[in-house]
PDB file of N, CA and C in Angstrom:
ATOM      1  N   MET A   1      61.040  60.265  91.388  1.00  0.00           N
ATOM      2  CA  MET A   1      61.443  58.884  91.302  1.00  0.00           C
ATOM      3  C   MET A   1      60.373  58.013  91.955  1.00  0.00           C
ATOM      4  N   SER A   2      59.960  56.976  91.248  1.00  0.00           N
ATOM      5  CA  SER A   2      58.916  56.099  91.743  1.00  0.00           C
ATOM      6  C   SER A   2      59.512  54.934  92.526  1.00  0.00           C
ATOM      7  N   LEU A   3      58.909  54.625  93.661  1.00  0.00           N
ATOM      8  CA  LEU A   3      59.327  53.470  94.452  1.00  0.00           C
ATOM      9  C   LEU A   3      58.633  52.203  93.974  1.00  0.00           C
ATOM     10  N   TRP A   4      57.734  52.356  93.064  1.00  0.00           N
ATOM     11  CA  TRP A   4      56.944  51.256  92.531  1.00  0.00           C
ATOM     12  C   TRP A   4      57.624  50.746  91.268  1.00  0.00           C
ATOM     13  N   SER A   5      58.035  49.493  91.246  1.00  0.00           N
ATOM     14  CA  SER A   5      58.675  48.948  90.046  1.00  0.00           C
ATOM     15  C   SER A   5      57.625  48.671  88.974  1.00  0.00           C
ATOM     16  N   SER A   6      58.033  48.716  87.736  1.00  0.00           N
ATOM     17  CA  SER A   6      57.117  48.514  86.611  1.00  0.00           C
ATOM     18  C   SER A   6      56.516  47.110  86.636  1.00  0.00           C
ATOM     19  N   PHE A   7      55.320  47.012  86.070  1.00  0.00           N
ATOM     20  CA  PHE A   7      54.655  45.721  85.984  1.00  0.00           C
ATOM     21  C   PHE A   7      55.324  44.851  84.934  1.00  0.00           C
ATOM     22  N   SER A   8      55.209  43.554  85.099  1.00  0.00           N
ATOM     23  CA  SER A   8      55.805  42.622  84.152  1.00  0.00           C
ATOM     24  C   SER A   8      54.727  41.859  83.391  1.00  0.00           C
ATOM     25  N   ARG A   9      55.130  41.311  82.258  1.00  0.00           N
ATOM     26  CA  ARG A   9      54.239  40.480  81.445  1.00  0.00           C
ATOM     27  C   ARG A   9      53.734  39.296  82.266  1.00  0.00           C
ATOM     28  N   GLU A  10      54.620  38.720  83.050  1.00  0.00           N
ATOM     29  CA  GLU A  10      54.267  37.526  83.827  1.00  0.00           C
ATOM     30  C   GLU A  10      53.141  37.815  84.819  1.00  0.00           C
ATOM     31  N   LYS A  11      53.181  38.984  85.463  1.00  0.00           N
ATOM     32  CA  LYS A  11      52.148  39.343  86.428  1.00  0.00           C
ATOM     33  C   LYS A  11      50.780  39.452  85.751  1.00  0.00           C
ATOM     34  N   PHE A  12      50.771  40.057  84.570  1.00  0.00           N
ATOM     35  CA  PHE A  12      49.505  40.190  83.851  1.00  0.00           C
ATOM     36  C   PHE A  12      49.038  38.842  83.327  1.00  0.00           C
ATOM     37  N   GLN A  13      49.955  38.032  82.846  1.00  0.00           N
ATOM     38  CA  GLN A  13      49.589  36.716  82.332  1.00  0.00           C
ATOM     39  C   GLN A  13      49.009  35.848  83.448  1.00  0.00           C
ATOM     40  N   ARG A  14      49.624  35.899  84.616  1.00  0.00           N
ATOM     41  CA  ARG A  14      49.125  35.132  85.759  1.00  0.00           C
ATOM     42  C   ARG A  14      47.733  35.606  86.157  1.00  0.00           C
ATOM     43  N   ALA A  15      47.531  36.915  86.168  1.00  0.00           N
ATOM     44  CA  ALA A  15      46.224  37.465  86.550  1.00  0.00           C
ATOM     45  C   ALA A  15      45.138  37.051  85.568  1.00  0.00           C
ATOM     46  N   ILE A  16      45.430  37.095  84.280  1.00  0.00           N
ATOM     47  CA  ILE A  16      44.420  36.736  83.282  1.00  0.00           C
ATOM     48  C   ILE A  16      44.120  35.242  83.343  1.00  0.00           C
ATOM     49  N   ASN A  17      45.110  34.436  83.663  1.00  0.00           N
ATOM     50  CA  ASN A  17      44.898  32.986  83.745  1.00  0.00           C
ATOM     51  C   ASN A  17      44.060  32.590  84.949  1.00  0.00           C
ATOM     52  N   GLU A  18      44.021  33.429  85.974  1.00  0.00           N
ATOM     53  CA  GLU A  18      43.253  33.135  87.182  1.00  0.00           C
ATOM     54  C   GLU A  18      41.765  33.410  87.024  1.00  0.00           C
ATOM     55  N   TYR A  19      41.384  34.169  85.983  1.00  0.00           N
ATOM     56  CA  TYR A  19      39.971  34.476  85.792  1.00  0.00           C
ATOM     57  C   TYR A  19      39.267  33.343  85.081  1.00  0.00           C
ATOM     58  N   ASN A  20      38.012  33.163  85.430  1.00  0.00           N
ATOM     59  CA  ASN A  20      37.169  32.147  84.825  1.00  0.00           C
ATOM     60  C   ASN A  20      36.529  32.760  83.577  1.00  0.00           C
ATOM     61  N   ASN A  21      36.662  32.112  82.436  1.00  0.00           N
ATOM     62  CA  ASN A  21      36.108  32.635  81.188  1.00  0.00           C
ATOM     63  C   ASN A  21      34.582  32.614  81.163  1.00  0.00           C
ATOM     64  N   LEU A  22      33.953  31.999  82.159  1.00  0.00           N
ATOM     65  CA  LEU A  22      32.496  31.964  82.205  1.00  0.00           C
ATOM     66  C   LEU A  22      31.912  33.182  82.907  1.00  0.00           C
ATOM     67  N   LEU A  23      32.772  34.035  83.480  1.00  0.00           N
ATOM     68  CA  LEU A  23      32.289  35.234  84.156  1.00  0.00           C
ATOM     69  C   LEU A  23      31.668  36.197  83.155  1.00  0.00           C
ATOM     70  N   ALA A  24      30.724  36.978  83.627  1.00  0.00           N
ATOM     71  CA  ALA A  24      30.047  37.954  82.776  1.00  0.00           C
ATOM     72  C   ALA A  24      31.046  38.989  82.269  1.00  0.00           C
ATOM     73  N   PRO A  25      30.832  39.486  81.041  1.00  0.00           N
ATOM     74  CA  PRO A  25      31.711  40.537  80.538  1.00  0.00           C
ATOM     75  C   PRO A  25      31.509  41.806  81.348  1.00  0.00           C
ATOM     76  N   GLY A  26      32.481  42.672  81.275  1.00  0.00           N
ATOM     77  CA  GLY A  26      32.397  43.937  81.993  1.00  0.00           C
ATOM     78  C   GLY A  26      31.502  44.919  81.272  1.00  0.00           C
ATOM     79  N   SER A  27      31.459  46.133  81.773  1.00  0.00           N
ATOM     80  CA  SER A  27      30.629  47.173  81.173  1.00  0.00           C
ATOM     81  C   SER A  27      31.085  47.499  79.753  1.00  0.00           C
ATOM     82  N   ASP A  28      32.324  47.147  79.429  1.00  0.00           N
ATOM     83  CA  ASP A  28      32.858  47.387  78.087  1.00  0.00           C
ATOM     84  C   ASP A  28      32.558  46.245  77.123  1.00  0.00           C
ATOM     85  N   LYS A  29      31.883  45.183  77.604  1.00  0.00           N
ATOM     86  CA  LYS A  29      31.499  44.004  76.809  1.00  0.00           C
ATOM     87  C   LYS A  29      32.692  43.148  76.396  1.00  0.00           C
ATOM     88  N   VAL A  30      33.850  43.368  76.994  1.00  0.00           N
ATOM     89  CA  VAL A  30      35.047  42.590  76.682  1.00  0.00           C
ATOM     90  C   VAL A  30      35.058  41.341  77.563  1.00  0.00           C
ATOM     91  N   LEU A  31      35.204  40.190  76.937  1.00  0.00           N
ATOM     92  CA  LEU A  31      35.300  38.930  77.667  1.00  0.00           C
ATOM     93  C   LEU A  31      36.752  38.652  78.020  1.00  0.00           C
ATOM     94  N   TRP A  32      36.969  37.820  79.029  1.00  0.00           N
ATOM     95  CA  TRP A  32      38.332  37.461  79.426  1.00  0.00           C
ATOM     96  C   TRP A  32      39.058  36.746  78.306  1.00  0.00           C
ATOM     97  N   LYS A  33      38.320  35.954  77.516  1.00  0.00           N
ATOM     98  CA  LYS A  33      38.984  35.259  76.402  1.00  0.00           C
ATOM     99  C   LYS A  33      39.483  36.256  75.351  1.00  0.00           C
ATOM    100  N   HIS A  34      38.824  37.429  75.250  1.00  0.00           N
ATOM    101  CA  HIS A  34      39.310  38.468  74.330  1.00  0.00           C
ATOM    102  C   HIS A  34      40.661  38.984  74.809  1.00  0.00           C
ATOM    103  N   LEU A  35      40.783  39.221  76.124  1.00  0.00           N
ATOM    104  CA  LEU A  35      42.064  39.689  76.656  1.00  0.00           C
ATOM    105  C   LEU A  35      43.151  38.631  76.482  1.00  0.00           C
ATOM    106  N   GLU A  36      42.797  37.367  76.620  1.00  0.00           N
ATOM    107  CA  GLU A  36      43.780  36.304  76.397  1.00  0.00           C
ATOM    108  C   GLU A  36      44.320  36.370  74.970  1.00  0.00           C
ATOM    109  N   LEU A  37      43.428  36.608  74.011  1.00  0.00           N
ATOM    110  CA  LEU A  37      43.858  36.723  72.613  1.00  0.00           C
ATOM    111  C   LEU A  37      44.756  37.939  72.409  1.00  0.00           C
ATOM    112  N   VAL A  38      44.401  39.043  73.039  1.00  0.00           N
ATOM    113  CA  VAL A  38      45.212  40.259  72.938  1.00  0.00           C
ATOM    114  C   VAL A  38      46.603  39.998  73.513  1.00  0.00           C
ATOM    115  N   PHE A  39      46.663  39.250  74.601  1.00  0.00           N
ATOM    116  CA  PHE A  39      47.942  38.996  75.269  1.00  0.00           C
ATOM    117  C   PHE A  39      48.876  38.135  74.437  1.00  0.00           C
ATOM    118  N   GLU A  40      48.366  37.476  73.416  1.00  0.00           N
ATOM    119  CA  GLU A  40      49.232  36.683  72.546  1.00  0.00           C
ATOM    120  C   GLU A  40      50.177  37.573  71.747  1.00  0.00           C
ATOM    121  N   ASP A  41      49.803  38.828  71.562  1.00  0.00           N
ATOM    122  CA  ASP A  41      50.650  39.770  70.838  1.00  0.00           C
ATOM    123  C   ASP A  41      51.335  40.682  71.859  1.00  0.00           C
ATOM    124  N   ASN A  42      52.641  40.582  71.946  1.00  0.00           N
ATOM    125  CA  ASN A  42      53.407  41.353  72.937  1.00  0.00           C
ATOM    126  C   ASN A  42      53.224  42.861  72.798  1.00  0.00           C
ATOM    127  N   LYS A  43      52.988  43.326  71.581  1.00  0.00           N
ATOM    128  CA  LYS A  43      52.827  44.763  71.360  1.00  0.00           C
ATOM    129  C   LYS A  43      51.609  45.290  72.125  1.00  0.00           C
ATOM    130  N   TYR A  44      50.488  44.577  72.045  1.00  0.00           N
ATOM    131  CA  TYR A  44      49.276  45.020  72.723  1.00  0.00           C
ATOM    132  C   TYR A  44      49.395  44.864  74.239  1.00  0.00           C
ATOM    133  N   LEU A  45      49.998  43.777  74.656  1.00  0.00           N
ATOM    134  CA  LEU A  45      50.207  43.575  76.089  1.00  0.00           C
ATOM    135  C   LEU A  45      51.097  44.676  76.650  1.00  0.00           C
ATOM    136  N   ARG A  46      52.134  45.044  75.928  1.00  0.00           N
ATOM    137  CA  ARG A  46      53.032  46.118  76.372  1.00  0.00           C
ATOM    138  C   ARG A  46      52.255  47.419  76.567  1.00  0.00           C
ATOM    139  N   ASN A  47      51.305  47.700  75.657  1.00  0.00           N
ATOM    140  CA  ASN A  47      50.486  48.913  75.791  1.00  0.00           C
ATOM    141  C   ASN A  47      49.620  48.870  77.051  1.00  0.00           C
ATOM    142  N   ILE A  48      49.054  47.715  77.357  1.00  0.00           N
ATOM    143  CA  ILE A  48      48.242  47.570  78.567  1.00  0.00           C
ATOM    144  C   ILE A  48      49.111  47.758  79.806  1.00  0.00           C
ATOM    145  N   ILE A  49      50.298  47.179  79.783  1.00  0.00           N
ATOM    146  CA  ILE A  49      51.230  47.348  80.901  1.00  0.00           C
ATOM    147  C   ILE A  49      51.627  48.818  81.042  1.00  0.00           C
ATOM    148  N   ASN A  50      51.825  49.510  79.931  1.00  0.00           N
ATOM    149  CA  ASN A  50      52.154  50.934  79.975  1.00  0.00           C
ATOM    150  C   ASN A  50      51.024  51.752  80.600  1.00  0.00           C
ATOM    151  N   ILE A  51      49.776  51.379  80.318  1.00  0.00           N
ATOM    152  CA  ILE A  51      48.627  52.061  80.932  1.00  0.00           C
ATOM    153  C   ILE A  51      48.668  51.869  82.442  1.00  0.00           C
ATOM    154  N   ALA A  52      48.906  50.633  82.885  1.00  0.00           N
ATOM    155  CA  ALA A  52      48.961  50.345  84.321  1.00  0.00           C
ATOM    156  C   ALA A  52      50.099  51.115  84.983  1.00  0.00           C
ATOM    157  N   ASN A  53      51.261  51.115  84.355  1.00  0.00           N
ATOM    158  CA  ASN A  53      52.405  51.850  84.909  1.00  0.00           C
ATOM    159  C   ASN A  53      52.132  53.345  84.966  1.00  0.00           C
ATOM    160  N   ALA A  54      51.480  53.880  83.930  1.00  0.00           N
ATOM    161  CA  ALA A  54      51.162  55.309  83.907  1.00  0.00           C
ATOM    162  C   ALA A  54      50.176  55.668  85.027  1.00  0.00           C
ATOM    163  N   CYS A  55      49.219  54.788  85.294  1.00  0.00           N
ATOM    164  CA  CYS A  55      48.264  55.042  86.386  1.00  0.00           C
ATOM    165  C   CYS A  55      49.002  55.193  87.710  1.00  0.00           C
ATOM    166  N   ILE A  56      49.991  54.351  87.933  1.00  0.00           N
ATOM    167  CA  ILE A  56      50.760  54.417  89.179  1.00  0.00           C
ATOM    168  C   ILE A  56      51.663  55.650  89.184  1.00  0.00           C
ATOM    169  N   ASP A  57      52.409  55.849  88.103  1.00  0.00           N
ATOM    170  CA  ASP A  57      53.363  56.962  88.049  1.00  0.00           C
ATOM    171  C   ASP A  57      52.669  58.323  88.173  1.00  0.00           C
ATOM    172  N   LEU A  58      51.519  58.460  87.529  1.00  0.00           N
ATOM    173  CA  LEU A  58      50.797  59.735  87.535  1.00  0.00           C
ATOM    174  C   LEU A  58      49.839  59.865  88.715  1.00  0.00           C
ATOM    175  N   LYS A  59      49.685  58.761  89.470  1.00  0.00           N
ATOM    176  CA  LYS A  59      48.739  58.731  90.599  1.00  0.00           C
ATOM    177  C   LYS A  59      47.344  59.144  90.124  1.00  0.00           C
ATOM    178  N   HIS A  60      46.934  58.547  89.018  1.00  0.00           N
ATOM    179  CA  HIS A  60      45.656  58.890  88.393  1.00  0.00           C
ATOM    180  C   HIS A  60      44.956  57.616  87.928  1.00  0.00           C
ATOM    181  N   TRP A  61      43.685  57.500  88.255  1.00  0.00           N
ATOM    182  CA  TRP A  61      42.866  56.390  87.785  1.00  0.00           C
ATOM    183  C   TRP A  61      41.871  56.969  86.787  1.00  0.00           C
ATOM    184  N   PRO A  62      41.946  56.581  85.502  1.00  0.00           N
ATOM    185  CA  PRO A  62      41.103  57.191  84.467  1.00  0.00           C
ATOM    186  C   PRO A  62      39.605  57.078  84.768  1.00  0.00           C
ATOM    187  N   THR A  63      38.873  58.080  84.398  1.00  0.00           N
ATOM    188  CA  THR A  63      37.426  58.120  84.605  1.00  0.00           C
ATOM    189  C   THR A  63      36.749  56.903  83.985  1.00  0.00           C
ATOM    190  N   HIS A  64      37.233  56.481  82.836  1.00  0.00           N
ATOM    191  CA  HIS A  64      36.660  55.321  82.143  1.00  0.00           C
ATOM    192  C   HIS A  64      36.682  54.080  83.039  1.00  0.00           C
ATOM    193  N   PHE A  65      37.706  53.958  83.877  1.00  0.00           N
ATOM    194  CA  PHE A  65      37.816  52.810  84.776  1.00  0.00           C
ATOM    195  C   PHE A  65      36.905  52.941  85.992  1.00  0.00           C
ATOM    196  N   LYS A  66      36.415  54.136  86.263  1.00  0.00           N
ATOM    197  CA  LYS A  66      35.585  54.364  87.445  1.00  0.00           C
ATOM    198  C   LYS A  66      34.098  54.130  87.172  1.00  0.00           C
ATOM    199  N   MET A  67      33.739  53.964  85.924  1.00  0.00           N
ATOM    200  CA  MET A  67      32.330  53.800  85.568  1.00  0.00           C
ATOM    201  C   MET A  67      31.932  52.331  85.670  1.00  0.00           C
ATOM    202  N   SER A  68      30.671  52.108  86.057  1.00  0.00           N
ATOM    203  CA  SER A  68      30.156  50.746  86.153  1.00  0.00           C
ATOM    204  C   SER A  68      28.689  50.726  85.748  1.00  0.00           C
ATOM    205  N   TRP A  69      28.207  49.541  85.486  1.00  0.00           N
ATOM    206  CA  TRP A  69      26.790  49.340  85.210  1.00  0.00           C
ATOM    207  C   TRP A  69      26.211  48.525  86.350  1.00  0.00           C
ATOM    208  N   SER A  70      25.018  48.872  86.763  1.00  0.00           N
ATOM    209  CA  SER A  70      24.302  48.089  87.768  1.00  0.00           C
ATOM    210  C   SER A  70      23.132  47.403  87.079  1.00  0.00           C
ATOM    211  N   ILE A  71      23.024  46.112  87.298  1.00  0.00           N
ATOM    212  CA  ILE A  71      21.946  45.337  86.695  1.00  0.00           C
ATOM    213  C   ILE A  71      21.141  44.710  87.823  1.00  0.00           C
ATOM    214  N   ILE A  72      19.839  44.862  87.734  1.00  0.00           N
ATOM    215  CA  ILE A  72      18.954  44.295  88.757  1.00  0.00           C
ATOM    216  C   ILE A  72      18.359  43.008  88.201  1.00  0.00           C
ATOM    217  N   ILE A  73      18.500  41.949  88.968  1.00  0.00           N
ATOM    218  CA  ILE A  73      17.929  40.663  88.598  1.00  0.00           C
ATOM    219  C   ILE A  73      16.935  40.288  89.687  1.00  0.00           C
ATOM    220  N   SER A  74      15.676  40.136  89.291  1.00  0.00           N
ATOM    221  CA  SER A  74      14.659  39.800  90.285  1.00  0.00           C
ATOM    222  C   SER A  74      14.782  38.333  90.682  1.00  0.00           C
ATOM    223  N   LYS A  75      14.399  38.055  91.910  1.00  0.00           N
ATOM    224  CA  LYS A  75      14.388  36.676  92.379  1.00  0.00           C
ATOM    225  C   LYS A  75      13.210  35.954  91.731  1.00  0.00           C
ATOM    226  N   PRO A  76      13.318  34.658  91.559  1.00  0.00           N
ATOM    227  CA  PRO A  76      12.228  33.904  90.905  1.00  0.00           C
ATOM    228  C   PRO A  76      10.891  34.065  91.626  1.00  0.00           C
ATOM    229  N   ASN A  77       9.832  34.136  90.829  1.00  0.00           N
ATOM    230  CA  ASN A  77       8.455  34.194  91.320  1.00  0.00           C
ATOM    231  C   ASN A  77       8.136  35.443  92.138  1.00  0.00           C
ATOM    232  N   LYS A  78       8.839  36.538  91.899  1.00  0.00           N
ATOM    233  CA  LYS A  78       8.560  37.803  92.568  1.00  0.00           C
ATOM    234  C   LYS A  78       8.170  38.830  91.504  1.00  0.00           C
ATOM    235  N   ALA A  79       7.045  39.486  91.707  1.00  0.00           N
ATOM    236  CA  ALA A  79       6.530  40.398  90.682  1.00  0.00           C
ATOM    237  C   ALA A  79       7.030  41.830  90.836  1.00  0.00           C
ATOM    238  N   THR A  80       7.559  42.159  91.987  1.00  0.00           N
ATOM    239  CA  THR A  80       7.947  43.549  92.245  1.00  0.00           C
ATOM    240  C   THR A  80       9.373  43.617  92.769  1.00  0.00           C
ATOM    241  N   TYR A  81       9.951  44.804  92.707  1.00  0.00           N
ATOM    242  CA  TYR A  81      11.299  45.005  93.234  1.00  0.00           C
ATOM    243  C   TYR A  81      11.254  45.636  94.626  1.00  0.00           C
ATOM    244  N   ASN A  82      10.093  45.736  95.235  1.00  0.00           N
ATOM    245  CA  ASN A  82       9.961  46.299  96.583  1.00  0.00           C
ATOM    246  C   ASN A  82       9.575  45.191  97.538  1.00  0.00           C
ATOM    247  N   PRO A  83      10.140  44.999  98.606  1.00  0.00           N
ATOM    248  CA  PRO A  83      11.321  45.657  99.152  1.00  0.00           C
ATOM    249  C   PRO A  83      12.598  45.162  98.469  1.00  0.00           C
ATOM    250  N   SER A  84      13.698  45.758  98.847  1.00  0.00           N
ATOM    251  CA  SER A  84      14.969  45.472  98.179  1.00  0.00           C
ATOM    252  C   SER A  84      15.438  44.036  98.368  1.00  0.00           C
ATOM    253  N   LYS A  85      14.885  43.327  99.327  1.00  0.00           N
ATOM    254  CA  LYS A  85      15.269  41.921  99.536  1.00  0.00           C
ATOM    255  C   LYS A  85      14.845  41.039  98.371  1.00  0.00           C
ATOM    256  N   LEU A  86      13.994  41.546  97.501  1.00  0.00           N
ATOM    257  CA  LEU A  86      13.451  40.730  96.421  1.00  0.00           C
ATOM    258  C   LEU A  86      14.253  40.799  95.123  1.00  0.00           C
ATOM    259  N   PHE A  87      15.434  41.388  95.172  1.00  0.00           N
ATOM    260  CA  PHE A  87      16.252  41.417  93.956  1.00  0.00           C
ATOM    261  C   PHE A  87      17.726  41.318  94.278  1.00  0.00           C
ATOM    262  N   HIS A  88      18.488  40.922  93.277  1.00  0.00           N
ATOM    263  CA  HIS A  88      19.946  40.879  93.362  1.00  0.00           C
ATOM    264  C   HIS A  88      20.492  42.019  92.515  1.00  0.00           C
ATOM    265  N   LEU A  89      21.504  42.683  92.998  1.00  0.00           N
ATOM    266  CA  LEU A  89      22.158  43.750  92.247  1.00  0.00           C
ATOM    267  C   LEU A  89      23.521  43.241  91.806  1.00  0.00           C
ATOM    268  N   ILE A  90      23.792  43.322  90.512  1.00  0.00           N
ATOM    269  CA  ILE A  90      25.070  42.907  89.962  1.00  0.00           C
ATOM    270  C   ILE A  90      25.753  44.138  89.384  1.00  0.00           C
ATOM    271  N   ILE A  91      27.010  44.339  89.756  1.00  0.00           N
ATOM    272  CA  ILE A  91      27.781  45.482  89.274  1.00  0.00           C
ATOM    273  C   ILE A  91      28.775  44.988  88.220  1.00  0.00           C
ATOM    274  N   LEU A  92      28.738  45.584  87.045  1.00  0.00           N
ATOM    275  CA  LEU A  92      29.669  45.237  85.975  1.00  0.00           C
ATOM    276  C   LEU A  92      30.691  46.354  85.833  1.00  0.00           C
ATOM    277  N   LEU A  93      31.953  46.000  85.965  1.00  0.00           N
ATOM    278  CA  LEU A  93      33.053  46.949  85.820  1.00  0.00           C
ATOM    279  C   LEU A  93      33.766  46.714  84.505  1.00  0.00           C
ATOM    280  N   ASN A  94      34.506  47.694  84.071  1.00  0.00           N
ATOM    281  CA  ASN A  94      35.328  47.585  82.872  1.00  0.00           C
ATOM    282  C   ASN A  94      36.315  46.421  83.048  1.00  0.00           C
ATOM    283  N   THR A  95      36.389  45.526  82.066  1.00  0.00           N
ATOM    284  CA  THR A  95      37.221  44.320  82.175  1.00  0.00           C
ATOM    285  C   THR A  95      38.694  44.659  82.305  1.00  0.00           C
ATOM    286  N   LEU A  96      39.185  45.594  81.529  1.00  0.00           N
ATOM    287  CA  LEU A  96      40.591  45.983  81.617  1.00  0.00           C
ATOM    288  C   LEU A  96      40.891  46.588  82.983  1.00  0.00           C
ATOM    289  N   GLU A  97      39.961  47.373  83.515  1.00  0.00           N
ATOM    290  CA  GLU A  97      40.114  47.955  84.849  1.00  0.00           C
ATOM    291  C   GLU A  97      40.219  46.857  85.892  1.00  0.00           C
ATOM    292  N   LYS A  98      39.366  45.819  85.782  1.00  0.00           N
ATOM    293  CA  LYS A  98      39.402  44.717  86.747  1.00  0.00           C
ATOM    294  C   LYS A  98      40.756  44.012  86.706  1.00  0.00           C
ATOM    295  N   LEU A  99      41.290  43.843  85.508  1.00  0.00           N
ATOM    296  CA  LEU A  99      42.577  43.176  85.361  1.00  0.00           C
ATOM    297  C   LEU A  99      43.701  43.995  85.996  1.00  0.00           C
ATOM    298  N   ILE A 100      43.766  45.278  85.668  1.00  0.00           N
ATOM    299  CA  ILE A 100      44.818  46.137  86.219  1.00  0.00           C
ATOM    300  C   ILE A 100      44.680  46.227  87.737  1.00  0.00           C
ATOM    301  N   GLU A 101      43.452  46.355  88.211  1.00  0.00           N
ATOM    302  CA  GLU A 101      43.227  46.437  89.651  1.00  0.00           C
ATOM    303  C   GLU A 101      43.652  45.141  90.346  1.00  0.00           C
ATOM    304  N   LYS A 102      43.418  44.017  89.690  1.00  0.00           N
ATOM    305  CA  LYS A 102      43.830  42.728  90.269  1.00  0.00           C
ATOM    306  C   LYS A 102      45.350  42.643  90.377  1.00  0.00           C
ATOM    307  N   VAL A 103      46.060  43.085  89.341  1.00  0.00           N
ATOM    308  CA  VAL A 103      47.524  43.039  89.366  1.00  0.00           C
ATOM    309  C   VAL A 103      48.062  43.984  90.453  1.00  0.00           C
ATOM    310  N   ILE A 104      47.473  45.162  90.569  1.00  0.00           N
ATOM    311  CA  ILE A 104      47.891  46.102  91.620  1.00  0.00           C
ATOM    312  C   ILE A 104      47.599  45.487  92.999  1.00  0.00           C
ATOM    313  N   GLY A 105      46.420  44.903  93.159  1.00  0.00           N
ATOM    314  CA  GLY A 105      46.039  44.305  94.429  1.00  0.00           C
ATOM    315  C   GLY A 105      46.965  43.179  94.845  1.00  0.00           C
ATOM    316  N   LYS A 106      47.387  42.366  93.889  1.00  0.00           N
ATOM    317  CA  LYS A 106      48.320  41.274  94.198  1.00  0.00           C
ATOM    318  C   LYS A 106      49.659  41.825  94.701  1.00  0.00           C
ATOM    319  N   ARG A 107      50.074  42.935  94.129  1.00  0.00           N
ATOM    320  CA  ARG A 107      51.348  43.519  94.529  1.00  0.00           C
ATOM    321  C   ARG A 107      51.268  44.099  95.927  1.00  0.00           C
ATOM    322  N   LEU A 108      50.114  44.679  96.274  1.00  0.00           N
ATOM    323  CA  LEU A 108      49.952  45.269  97.599  1.00  0.00           C
ATOM    324  C   LEU A 108      49.899  44.183  98.651  1.00  0.00           C
TER     325      LEU A 108
END
């Protein structure tokens, strides 16, 4: 028996509305506006909620959600990446993973 109650549509809708559509897409290339469109259809949203609930019930975080891309952006007017102070590192995570993690984080 799980002590964790199932996620609701409202929690996911609130989480998606809090994201800025100008943010970079995740490693899966999915934009937040794509998820907003998906959420218009209850069938697809229900499937996403089922994935989140299954992660909690099974105490398992899928490998696909654990993968990320690292992108190095050099600072202006710098020809080399040495030393490390001369670049910015940006980590791109799976967009769906970020959403589910945000909903879980809000609950905690």
